């Protein structure tokens, strides 16, 4: 349990303080990039899409990401980190981006 809490704290710290030299990738509003997920994060309610973008940019394995907005069935936003760059598809549920 302590190890899991430590990992969560390190992850939140990395999101809050990304390297200053890292360029921010543009956000693709109302775009989904389905497939190639290697990590599915459940974010806290109210977490903005930049948390997902920053998580991707801080992970060398991540090439793209998709943030799924909260819905009636799931009040928490989700973040999907991707091992490649899937095709972009219009979808009002999501915000996506390409990191590398």
PDB file of N, CA and C in Angstrom:
ATOM      1  N   UNK A   1       0.814  -1.190   0.000  1.00  0.00           N
ATOM      2  CA  UNK A   1       0.000   0.000   0.000  1.00  0.00           C
ATOM      3  C   UNK A   1       0.868   1.268   0.000  1.00  0.00           C
ATOM      4  N   UNK A   2       1.939   1.255   0.818  1.00  0.00           N
ATOM      5  CA  UNK A   2       2.818   2.428   0.869  1.00  0.00           C
ATOM      6  C   UNK A   2       3.493   2.661  -0.483  1.00  0.00           C
ATOM      7  N   UNK A   3       3.888   1.563  -1.140  1.00  0.00           N
ATOM      8  CA  UNK A   3       4.545   1.679  -2.437  1.00  0.00           C
ATOM      9  C   UNK A   3       3.596   2.298  -3.458  1.00  0.00           C
ATOM     10  N   UNK A   4       2.330   1.886  -3.450  1.00  0.00           N
ATOM     11  CA  UNK A   4       1.335   2.424  -4.380  1.00  0.00           C
ATOM     12  C   UNK A   4       1.121   3.921  -4.132  1.00  0.00           C
ATOM     13  N   UNK A   5       1.080   4.312  -2.848  1.00  0.00           N
ATOM     14  CA  UNK A   5       0.901   5.728  -2.524  1.00  0.00           C
ATOM     15  C   UNK A   5       2.107   6.540  -2.982  1.00  0.00           C
ATOM     16  N   UNK A   6       3.312   6.000  -2.813  1.00  0.00           N
ATOM     17  CA  UNK A   6       4.516   6.692  -3.244  1.00  0.00           C
ATOM     18  C   UNK A   6       4.527   6.875  -4.760  1.00  0.00           C
ATOM     19  N   UNK A   7       4.160   5.839  -5.486  1.00  0.00           N
ATOM     20  CA  UNK A   7       4.100   5.933  -6.947  1.00  0.00           C
ATOM     21  C   UNK A   7       3.083   6.988  -7.362  1.00  0.00           C
ATOM     22  N   UNK A   8       1.915   7.003  -6.718  1.00  0.00           N
ATOM     23  CA  UNK A   8       0.885   7.996  -7.041  1.00  0.00           C
ATOM     24  C   UNK A   8       1.387   9.404  -6.756  1.00  0.00           C
ATOM     25  N   UNK A   9       2.094   9.594  -5.633  1.00  0.00           N
ATOM     26  CA  UNK A   9       2.616  10.920  -5.298  1.00  0.00           C
ATOM     27  C   UNK A   9       3.660  11.370  -6.314  1.00  0.00           C
ATOM     28  N   UNK A  10       4.529  10.458  -6.738  1.00  0.00           N
ATOM     29  CA  UNK A  10       5.533  10.804  -7.741  1.00  0.00           C
ATOM     30  C   UNK A  10       4.883  11.173  -9.067  1.00  0.00           C
ATOM     31  N   UNK A  11       3.836  10.434  -9.448  1.00  0.00           N
ATOM     32  CA  UNK A  11       3.124  10.719 -10.687  1.00  0.00           C
ATOM     33  C   UNK A  11       2.490  12.106 -10.642  1.00  0.00           C
ATOM     34  N   UNK A  12       1.826  12.435  -9.538  1.00  0.00           N
ATOM     35  CA  UNK A  12       1.184  13.743  -9.397  1.00  0.00           C
ATOM     36  C   UNK A  12       2.231  14.847  -9.418  1.00  0.00           C
ATOM     37  N   UNK A  13       3.368  14.624  -8.769  1.00  0.00           N
ATOM     38  CA  UNK A  13       4.446  15.619  -8.780  1.00  0.00           C
ATOM     39  C   UNK A  13       4.970  15.837 -10.195  1.00  0.00           C
ATOM     40  N   UNK A  14       5.139  14.755 -10.945  1.00  0.00           N
ATOM     41  CA  UNK A  14       5.615  14.885 -12.331  1.00  0.00           C
ATOM     42  C   UNK A  14       4.631  15.671 -13.175  1.00  0.00           C
ATOM     43  N   UNK A  15       3.340  15.486 -12.925  1.00  0.00           N
ATOM     44  CA  UNK A  15       2.336  16.234 -13.670  1.00  0.00           C
ATOM     45  C   UNK A  15       2.343  17.706 -13.296  1.00  0.00           C
ATOM     46  N   UNK A  16       2.532  17.980 -12.030  1.00  0.00           N
ATOM     47  CA  UNK A  16       2.485  19.359 -11.557  1.00  0.00           C
ATOM     48  C   UNK A  16       3.721  20.155 -11.955  1.00  0.00           C
ATOM     49  N   UNK A  17       4.864  19.469 -12.108  1.00  0.00           N
ATOM     50  CA  UNK A  17       6.116  20.155 -12.398  1.00  0.00           C
ATOM     51  C   UNK A  17       6.852  19.524 -13.570  1.00  0.00           C
ATOM     52  N   UNK A  18       6.287  19.634 -14.782  1.00  0.00           N
ATOM     53  CA  UNK A  18       6.992  19.077 -15.941  1.00  0.00           C
ATOM     54  C   UNK A  18       8.261  19.874 -16.217  1.00  0.00           C
ATOM     55  N   UNK A  19       9.254  19.277 -16.858  1.00  0.00           N
ATOM     56  CA  UNK A  19      10.481  20.002 -17.174  1.00  0.00           C
ATOM     57  C   UNK A  19      10.188  21.282 -17.955  1.00  0.00           C
ATOM     58  N   UNK A  20      10.838  22.356 -17.567  1.00  0.00           N
ATOM     59  CA  UNK A  20      10.591  23.654 -18.197  1.00  0.00           C
ATOM     60  C   UNK A  20      10.964  23.655 -19.673  1.00  0.00           C
ATOM     61  N   UNK A  21      11.935  22.834 -20.048  1.00  0.00           N
ATOM     62  CA  UNK A  21      12.393  22.820 -21.437  1.00  0.00           C
ATOM     63  C   UNK A  21      11.454  22.054 -22.362  1.00  0.00           C
ATOM     64  N   UNK A  22      10.480  21.363 -21.805  1.00  0.00           N
ATOM     65  CA  UNK A  22       9.611  20.519 -22.615  1.00  0.00           C
ATOM     66  C   UNK A  22       8.541  21.365 -23.328  1.00  0.00           C
ATOM     67  N   UNK A  23       8.504  21.289 -24.633  1.00  0.00           N
ATOM     68  CA  UNK A  23       7.490  22.007 -25.402  1.00  0.00           C
ATOM     69  C   UNK A  23       6.143  21.323 -25.201  1.00  0.00           C
ATOM     70  N   UNK A  24       5.100  22.112 -25.077  1.00  0.00           N
ATOM     71  CA  UNK A  24       3.758  21.566 -24.882  1.00  0.00           C
ATOM     72  C   UNK A  24       3.159  21.219 -26.239  1.00  0.00           C
ATOM     73  N   UNK A  25       2.663  19.990 -26.367  1.00  0.00           N
ATOM     74  CA  UNK A  25       2.029  19.598 -27.620  1.00  0.00           C
ATOM     75  C   UNK A  25       0.649  20.238 -27.703  1.00  0.00           C
ATOM     76  N   UNK A  26       0.195  20.558 -28.906  1.00  0.00           N
ATOM     77  CA  UNK A  26      -1.133  21.167 -29.036  1.00  0.00           C
ATOM     78  C   UNK A  26      -2.231  20.165 -28.697  1.00  0.00           C
ATOM     79  N   UNK A  27      -3.319  20.693 -28.179  1.00  0.00           N
ATOM     80  CA  UNK A  27      -4.473  19.854 -27.848  1.00  0.00           C
ATOM     81  C   UNK A  27      -5.440  19.841 -29.020  1.00  0.00           C
ATOM     82  N   UNK A  28      -5.949  18.668 -29.336  1.00  0.00           N
ATOM     83  CA  UNK A  28      -6.908  18.466 -30.418  1.00  0.00           C
ATOM     84  C   UNK A  28      -8.304  18.337 -29.792  1.00  0.00           C
ATOM     85  N   UNK A  29      -9.020  19.450 -29.727  1.00  0.00           N
ATOM     86  CA  UNK A  29     -10.366  19.461 -29.136  1.00  0.00           C
ATOM     87  C   UNK A  29     -11.324  18.614 -29.967  1.00  0.00           C
ATOM     88  N   UNK A  30     -12.187  17.861 -29.286  1.00  0.00           N
ATOM     89  CA  UNK A  30     -13.208  17.026 -29.930  1.00  0.00           C
ATOM     90  C   UNK A  30     -12.609  16.008 -30.899  1.00  0.00           C
ATOM     91  N   UNK A  31     -11.470  15.444 -30.487  1.00  0.00           N
ATOM     92  CA  UNK A  31     -10.783  14.426 -31.293  1.00  0.00           C
ATOM     93  C   UNK A  31     -10.455  13.243 -30.397  1.00  0.00           C
ATOM     94  N   UNK A  32     -10.695  12.055 -30.917  1.00  0.00           N
ATOM     95  CA  UNK A  32     -10.356  10.802 -30.257  1.00  0.00           C
ATOM     96  C   UNK A  32      -9.291  10.107 -31.090  1.00  0.00           C
ATOM     97  N   UNK A  33      -8.375   9.422 -30.442  1.00  0.00           N
ATOM     98  CA  UNK A  33      -7.370   8.601 -31.130  1.00  0.00           C
ATOM     99  C   UNK A  33      -7.494   7.192 -30.557  1.00  0.00           C
ATOM    100  N   UNK A  34      -8.430   6.396 -31.099  1.00  0.00           N
ATOM    101  CA  UNK A  34      -8.693   5.067 -30.523  1.00  0.00           C
ATOM    102  C   UNK A  34      -7.585   4.056 -30.815  1.00  0.00           C
ATOM    103  N   UNK A  35      -7.296   3.234 -29.793  1.00  0.00           N
ATOM    104  CA  UNK A  35      -6.329   2.152 -29.946  1.00  0.00           C
ATOM    105  C   UNK A  35      -4.953   2.492 -29.420  1.00  0.00           C
ATOM    106  N   UNK A  36      -4.095   1.486 -29.338  1.00  0.00           N
ATOM    107  CA  UNK A  36      -2.693   1.580 -28.915  1.00  0.00           C
ATOM    108  C   UNK A  36      -2.525   2.014 -27.460  1.00  0.00           C
ATOM    109  N   UNK A  37      -3.556   1.806 -26.620  1.00  0.00           N
ATOM    110  CA  UNK A  37      -3.480   2.187 -25.209  1.00  0.00           C
ATOM    111  C   UNK A  37      -2.540   1.248 -24.456  1.00  0.00           C
ATOM    112  N   UNK A  38      -1.655   1.813 -23.653  1.00  0.00           N
ATOM    113  CA  UNK A  38      -0.866   0.986 -22.744  1.00  0.00           C
ATOM    114  C   UNK A  38      -1.112   1.376 -21.296  1.00  0.00           C
ATOM    115  N   UNK A  39      -1.798   2.510 -21.072  1.00  0.00           N
ATOM    116  CA  UNK A  39      -2.112   2.925 -19.712  1.00  0.00           C
ATOM    117  C   UNK A  39      -3.429   3.688 -19.711  1.00  0.00           C
ATOM    118  N   UNK A  40      -4.313   3.320 -18.787  1.00  0.00           N
ATOM    119  CA  UNK A  40      -5.621   3.950 -18.628  1.00  0.00           C
ATOM    120  C   UNK A  40      -5.658   4.519 -17.220  1.00  0.00           C
ATOM    121  N   UNK A  41      -5.642   5.846 -17.107  1.00  0.00           N
ATOM    122  CA  UNK A  41      -5.651   6.509 -15.809  1.00  0.00           C
ATOM    123  C   UNK A  41      -7.027   7.093 -15.525  1.00  0.00           C
ATOM    124  N   UNK A  42      -7.546   6.842 -14.336  1.00  0.00           N
ATOM    125  CA  UNK A  42      -8.772   7.488 -13.887  1.00  0.00           C
ATOM    126  C   UNK A  42      -8.329   8.734 -13.129  1.00  0.00           C
ATOM    127  N   UNK A  43      -8.711   9.901 -13.628  1.00  0.00           N
ATOM    128  CA  UNK A  43      -8.309  11.166 -13.019  1.00  0.00           C
ATOM    129  C   UNK A  43      -9.356  11.637 -12.009  1.00  0.00           C
ATOM    130  N   UNK A  44      -8.953  12.537 -11.143  1.00  0.00           N
ATOM    131  CA  UNK A  44      -9.889  13.115 -10.182  1.00  0.00           C
ATOM    132  C   UNK A  44     -10.882  14.005 -10.915  1.00  0.00           C
ATOM    133  N   UNK A  45     -12.089  14.105 -10.346  1.00  0.00           N
ATOM    134  CA  UNK A  45     -13.101  14.969 -10.931  1.00  0.00           C
ATOM    135  C   UNK A  45     -12.534  16.382 -11.033  1.00  0.00           C
ATOM    136  N   UNK A  46     -12.793  17.024 -12.158  1.00  0.00           N
ATOM    137  CA  UNK A  46     -12.314  18.386 -12.391  1.00  0.00           C
ATOM    138  C   UNK A  46     -10.924  18.473 -12.996  1.00  0.00           C
ATOM    139  N   UNK A  47     -10.244  17.348 -13.171  1.00  0.00           N
ATOM    140  CA  UNK A  47      -8.900  17.373 -13.771  1.00  0.00           C
ATOM    141  C   UNK A  47      -9.002  17.786 -15.230  1.00  0.00           C
ATOM    142  N   UNK A  48      -8.201  18.766 -15.656  1.00  0.00           N
ATOM    143  CA  UNK A  48      -8.249  19.229 -17.040  1.00  0.00           C
ATOM    144  C   UNK A  48      -7.441  18.334 -17.984  1.00  0.00           C
ATOM    145  N   UNK A  49      -7.653  18.462 -19.291  1.00  0.00           N
ATOM    146  CA  UNK A  49      -6.918  17.662 -20.280  1.00  0.00           C
ATOM    147  C   UNK A  49      -5.401  17.820 -20.207  1.00  0.00           C
ATOM    148  N   UNK A  50      -4.919  18.944 -19.736  1.00  0.00           N
ATOM    149  CA  UNK A  50      -3.462  19.151 -19.675  1.00  0.00           C
ATOM    150  C   UNK A  50      -2.785  18.123 -18.773  1.00  0.00           C
ATOM    151  N   UNK A  51      -3.511  17.564 -17.784  1.00  0.00           N
ATOM    152  CA  UNK A  51      -2.938  16.518 -16.941  1.00  0.00           C
ATOM    153  C   UNK A  51      -2.579  15.302 -17.793  1.00  0.00           C
ATOM    154  N   UNK A  52      -3.447  14.969 -18.730  1.00  0.00           N
ATOM    155  CA  UNK A  52      -3.210  13.830 -19.607  1.00  0.00           C
ATOM    156  C   UNK A  52      -2.047  14.137 -20.560  1.00  0.00           C
ATOM    157  N   UNK A  53      -2.063  15.321 -21.143  1.00  0.00           N
ATOM    158  CA  UNK A  53      -0.967  15.732 -22.037  1.00  0.00           C
ATOM    159  C   UNK A  53       0.369  15.687 -21.314  1.00  0.00           C
ATOM    160  N   UNK A  54       0.419  16.220 -20.095  1.00  0.00           N
ATOM    161  CA  UNK A  54       1.664  16.263 -19.341  1.00  0.00           C
ATOM    162  C   UNK A  54       2.130  14.863 -18.950  1.00  0.00           C
ATOM    163  N   UNK A  55       1.187  13.978 -18.612  1.00  0.00           N
ATOM    164  CA  UNK A  55       1.545  12.600 -18.277  1.00  0.00           C
ATOM    165  C   UNK A  55       2.208  11.929 -19.476  1.00  0.00           C
ATOM    166  N   UNK A  56       1.682  12.167 -20.654  1.00  0.00           N
ATOM    167  CA  UNK A  56       2.255  11.594 -21.869  1.00  0.00           C
ATOM    168  C   UNK A  56       3.643  12.168 -22.125  1.00  0.00           C
ATOM    169  N   UNK A  57       3.783  13.457 -22.002  1.00  0.00           N
ATOM    170  CA  UNK A  57       5.077  14.077 -22.288  1.00  0.00           C
ATOM    171  C   UNK A  57       6.150  13.685 -21.283  1.00  0.00           C
ATOM    172  N   UNK A  58       5.745  13.246 -20.098  1.00  0.00           N
ATOM    173  CA  UNK A  58       6.696  12.816 -19.078  1.00  0.00           C
ATOM    174  C   UNK A  58       6.987  11.319 -19.126  1.00  0.00           C
ATOM    175  N   UNK A  59       6.451  10.619 -20.110  1.00  0.00           N
ATOM    176  CA  UNK A  59       6.642   9.174 -20.240  1.00  0.00           C
ATOM    177  C   UNK A  59       7.243   8.882 -21.612  1.00  0.00           C
ATOM    178  N   UNK A  60       8.451   8.381 -21.634  1.00  0.00           N
ATOM    179  CA  UNK A  60       9.159   8.124 -22.902  1.00  0.00           C
ATOM    180  C   UNK A  60       8.427   7.152 -23.817  1.00  0.00           C
ATOM    181  N   UNK A  61       7.613   6.264 -23.249  1.00  0.00           N
ATOM    182  CA  UNK A  61       6.879   5.285 -24.063  1.00  0.00           C
ATOM    183  C   UNK A  61       5.712   5.920 -24.800  1.00  0.00           C
ATOM    184  N   UNK A  62       5.263   7.084 -24.343  1.00  0.00           N
ATOM    185  CA  UNK A  62       4.030   7.688 -24.854  1.00  0.00           C
ATOM    186  C   UNK A  62       4.275   8.494 -26.133  1.00  0.00           C
ATOM    187  N   UNK A  63       3.483   8.176 -27.158  1.00  0.00           N
ATOM    188  CA  UNK A  63       3.568   8.901 -28.425  1.00  0.00           C
ATOM    189  C   UNK A  63       2.345   9.782 -28.659  1.00  0.00           C
ATOM    190  N   UNK A  64       1.225   9.419 -28.037  1.00  0.00           N
ATOM    191  CA  UNK A  64       0.009  10.224 -28.145  1.00  0.00           C
ATOM    192  C   UNK A  64      -0.884   9.898 -26.950  1.00  0.00           C
ATOM    193  N   UNK A  65      -1.958  10.653 -26.810  1.00  0.00           N
ATOM    194  CA  UNK A  65      -2.844  10.503 -25.664  1.00  0.00           C
ATOM    195  C   UNK A  65      -4.265  10.909 -26.024  1.00  0.00           C
ATOM    196  N   UNK A  66      -5.215  10.431 -25.233  1.00  0.00           N
ATOM    197  CA  UNK A  66      -6.612  10.855 -25.347  1.00  0.00           C
ATOM    198  C   UNK A  66      -7.183  11.032 -23.950  1.00  0.00           C
ATOM    199  N   UNK A  67      -7.747  12.203 -23.712  1.00  0.00           N
ATOM    200  CA  UNK A  67      -8.454  12.537 -22.474  1.00  0.00           C
ATOM    201  C   UNK A  67      -9.940  12.375 -22.766  1.00  0.00           C
ATOM    202  N   UNK A  68     -10.627  11.570 -21.954  1.00  0.00           N
ATOM    203  CA  UNK A  68     -12.067  11.357 -22.136  1.00  0.00           C
ATOM    204  C   UNK A  68     -12.793  12.146 -21.051  1.00  0.00           C
ATOM    205  N   UNK A  69     -13.642  13.057 -21.506  1.00  0.00           N
ATOM    206  CA  UNK A  69     -14.388  13.902 -20.572  1.00  0.00           C
ATOM    207  C   UNK A  69     -15.319  13.065 -19.698  1.00  0.00           C
ATOM    208  N   UNK A  70     -15.631  13.577 -18.488  1.00  0.00           N
ATOM    209  CA  UNK A  70     -16.594  12.867 -17.636  1.00  0.00           C
ATOM    210  C   UNK A  70     -17.941  12.750 -18.339  1.00  0.00           C
ATOM    211  N   UNK A  71     -18.690  11.715 -17.971  1.00  0.00           N
ATOM    212  CA  UNK A  71     -20.026  11.516 -18.534  1.00  0.00           C
ATOM    213  C   UNK A  71     -20.982  11.149 -17.407  1.00  0.00           C
ATOM    214  N   UNK A  72     -22.248  11.019 -17.739  1.00  0.00           N
ATOM    215  CA  UNK A  72     -23.250  10.646 -16.732  1.00  0.00           C
ATOM    216  C   UNK A  72     -22.922   9.293 -16.121  1.00  0.00           C
ATOM    217  N   UNK A  73     -22.374   8.391 -16.902  1.00  0.00           N
ATOM    218  CA  UNK A  73     -22.038   7.058 -16.419  1.00  0.00           C
ATOM    219  C   UNK A  73     -20.712   6.990 -15.671  1.00  0.00           C
ATOM    220  N   UNK A  74     -19.843   7.962 -15.878  1.00  0.00           N
ATOM    221  CA  UNK A  74     -18.528   7.976 -15.234  1.00  0.00           C
ATOM    222  C   UNK A  74     -18.148   9.430 -14.944  1.00  0.00           C
ATOM    223  N   UNK A  75     -18.290   9.867 -13.689  1.00  0.00           N
ATOM    224  CA  UNK A  75     -18.037  11.272 -13.368  1.00  0.00           C
ATOM    225  C   UNK A  75     -16.565  11.671 -13.380  1.00  0.00           C
ATOM    226  N   UNK A  76     -15.671  10.692 -13.481  1.00  0.00           N
ATOM    227  CA  UNK A  76     -14.247  11.006 -13.515  1.00  0.00           C
ATOM    228  C   UNK A  76     -13.726  11.010 -14.944  1.00  0.00           C
ATOM    229  N   UNK A  77     -12.899  11.998 -15.282  1.00  0.00           N
ATOM    230  CA  UNK A  77     -12.259  11.953 -16.599  1.00  0.00           C
ATOM    231  C   UNK A  77     -11.241  10.824 -16.632  1.00  0.00           C
ATOM    232  N   UNK A  78     -10.927  10.369 -17.828  1.00  0.00           N
ATOM    233  CA  UNK A  78      -9.940   9.299 -18.014  1.00  0.00           C
ATOM    234  C   UNK A  78      -8.855   9.781 -18.971  1.00  0.00           C
ATOM    235  N   UNK A  79      -7.707   9.182 -18.807  1.00  0.00           N
ATOM    236  CA  UNK A  79      -6.556   9.518 -19.642  1.00  0.00           C
ATOM    237  C   UNK A  79      -5.987   8.225 -20.199  1.00  0.00           C
ATOM    238  N   UNK A  80      -5.881   8.143 -21.516  1.00  0.00           N
ATOM    239  CA  UNK A  80      -5.328   6.974 -22.179  1.00  0.00           C
ATOM    240  C   UNK A  80      -4.003   7.368 -22.829  1.00  0.00           C
ATOM    241  N   UNK A  81      -2.914   6.758 -22.356  1.00  0.00           N
ATOM    242  CA  UNK A  81      -1.604   6.981 -22.959  1.00  0.00           C
ATOM    243  C   UNK A  81      -1.387   5.906 -24.007  1.00  0.00           C
ATOM    244  N   UNK A  82      -0.782   6.290 -25.140  1.00  0.00           N
ATOM    245  CA  UNK A  82      -0.705   5.414 -26.310  1.00  0.00           C
ATOM    246  C   UNK A  82       0.733   5.199 -26.771  1.00  0.00           C
ATOM    247  N   UNK A  83       1.002   3.982 -27.199  1.00  0.00           N
ATOM    248  CA  UNK A  83       2.349   3.599 -27.621  1.00  0.00           C
ATOM    249  C   UNK A  83       2.657   3.979 -29.068  1.00  0.00           C
ATOM    250  N   UNK A  84       1.674   4.456 -29.783  1.00  0.00           N
ATOM    251  CA  UNK A  84       1.867   4.949 -31.155  1.00  0.00           C
ATOM    252  C   UNK A  84       0.852   6.065 -31.386  1.00  0.00           C
ATOM    253  N   UNK A  85       0.742   6.544 -32.602  1.00  0.00           N
ATOM    254  CA  UNK A  85      -0.183   7.639 -32.918  1.00  0.00           C
ATOM    255  C   UNK A  85      -1.310   7.090 -33.792  1.00  0.00           C
ATOM    256  N   UNK A  86      -2.435   6.680 -33.177  1.00  0.00           N
ATOM    257  CA  UNK A  86      -3.568   6.193 -33.966  1.00  0.00           C
ATOM    258  C   UNK A  86      -4.206   7.321 -34.775  1.00  0.00           C
ATOM    259  N   UNK A  87      -4.977   6.938 -35.757  1.00  0.00           N
ATOM    260  CA  UNK A  87      -5.695   7.897 -36.597  1.00  0.00           C
ATOM    261  C   UNK A  87      -6.643   8.750 -35.749  1.00  0.00           C
ATOM    262  N   UNK A  88      -6.690  10.033 -36.031  1.00  0.00           N
ATOM    263  CA  UNK A  88      -7.594  10.950 -35.325  1.00  0.00           C
ATOM    264  C   UNK A  88      -9.002  10.824 -35.882  1.00  0.00           C
ATOM    265  N   UNK A  89      -9.982  10.801 -34.965  1.00  0.00           N
ATOM    266  CA  UNK A  89     -11.394  10.735 -35.352  1.00  0.00           C
ATOM    267  C   UNK A  89     -12.168  11.796 -34.593  1.00  0.00           C
ATOM    268  N   UNK A  90     -13.069  12.500 -35.247  1.00  0.00           N
ATOM    269  CA  UNK A  90     -13.876  13.498 -34.551  1.00  0.00           C
ATOM    270  C   UNK A  90     -14.760  12.824 -33.503  1.00  0.00           C
ATOM    271  N   UNK A  91     -14.766  13.380 -32.280  1.00  0.00           N
ATOM    272  CA  UNK A  91     -15.620  12.855 -31.218  1.00  0.00           C
ATOM    273  C   UNK A  91     -15.686  13.899 -30.103  1.00  0.00           C
ATOM    274  N   UNK A  92     -16.886  14.403 -29.773  1.00  0.00           N
ATOM    275  CA  UNK A  92     -17.001  15.443 -28.756  1.00  0.00           C
ATOM    276  C   UNK A  92     -16.668  14.955 -27.338  1.00  0.00           C
ATOM    277  N   UNK A  93     -16.472  13.649 -27.160  1.00  0.00           N
ATOM    278  CA  UNK A  93     -16.151  13.104 -25.839  1.00  0.00           C
ATOM    279  C   UNK A  93     -14.739  13.428 -25.390  1.00  0.00           C
ATOM    280  N   UNK A  94     -13.893  13.792 -26.333  1.00  0.00           N
ATOM    281  CA  UNK A  94     -12.462  13.693 -26.067  1.00  0.00           C
ATOM    282  C   UNK A  94     -11.642  14.919 -26.455  1.00  0.00           C
ATOM    283  N   UNK A  95     -10.436  14.936 -25.902  1.00  0.00           N
ATOM    284  CA  UNK A  95      -9.370  15.851 -26.300  1.00  0.00           C
ATOM    285  C   UNK A  95      -8.136  14.952 -26.465  1.00  0.00           C
ATOM    286  N   UNK A  96      -7.408  15.122 -27.535  1.00  0.00           N
ATOM    287  CA  UNK A  96      -6.244  14.273 -27.792  1.00  0.00           C
ATOM    288  C   UNK A  96      -5.033  15.104 -28.154  1.00  0.00           C
ATOM    289  N   UNK A  97      -3.912  14.421 -28.320  1.00  0.00           N
ATOM    290  CA  UNK A  97      -2.710  15.103 -28.738  1.00  0.00           C
ATOM    291  C   UNK A  97      -1.612  14.122 -29.085  1.00  0.00           C
ATOM    292  N   UNK A  98      -0.610  14.624 -29.777  1.00  0.00           N
ATOM    293  CA  UNK A  98       0.560  13.840 -30.191  1.00  0.00           C
ATOM    294  C   UNK A  98       1.775  14.427 -29.480  1.00  0.00           C
ATOM    295  N   UNK A  99       2.525  13.569 -28.812  1.00  0.00           N
ATOM    296  CA  UNK A  99       3.689  14.037 -28.060  1.00  0.00           C
ATOM    297  C   UNK A  99       4.985  13.891 -28.850  1.00  0.00           C
ATOM    298  N   UNK A 100       5.085  12.825 -29.659  1.00  0.00           N
ATOM    299  CA  UNK A 100       6.340  12.541 -30.354  1.00  0.00           C
ATOM    300  C   UNK A 100       6.060  12.136 -31.774  1.00  0.00           C
TER     301      UNK A 100
END
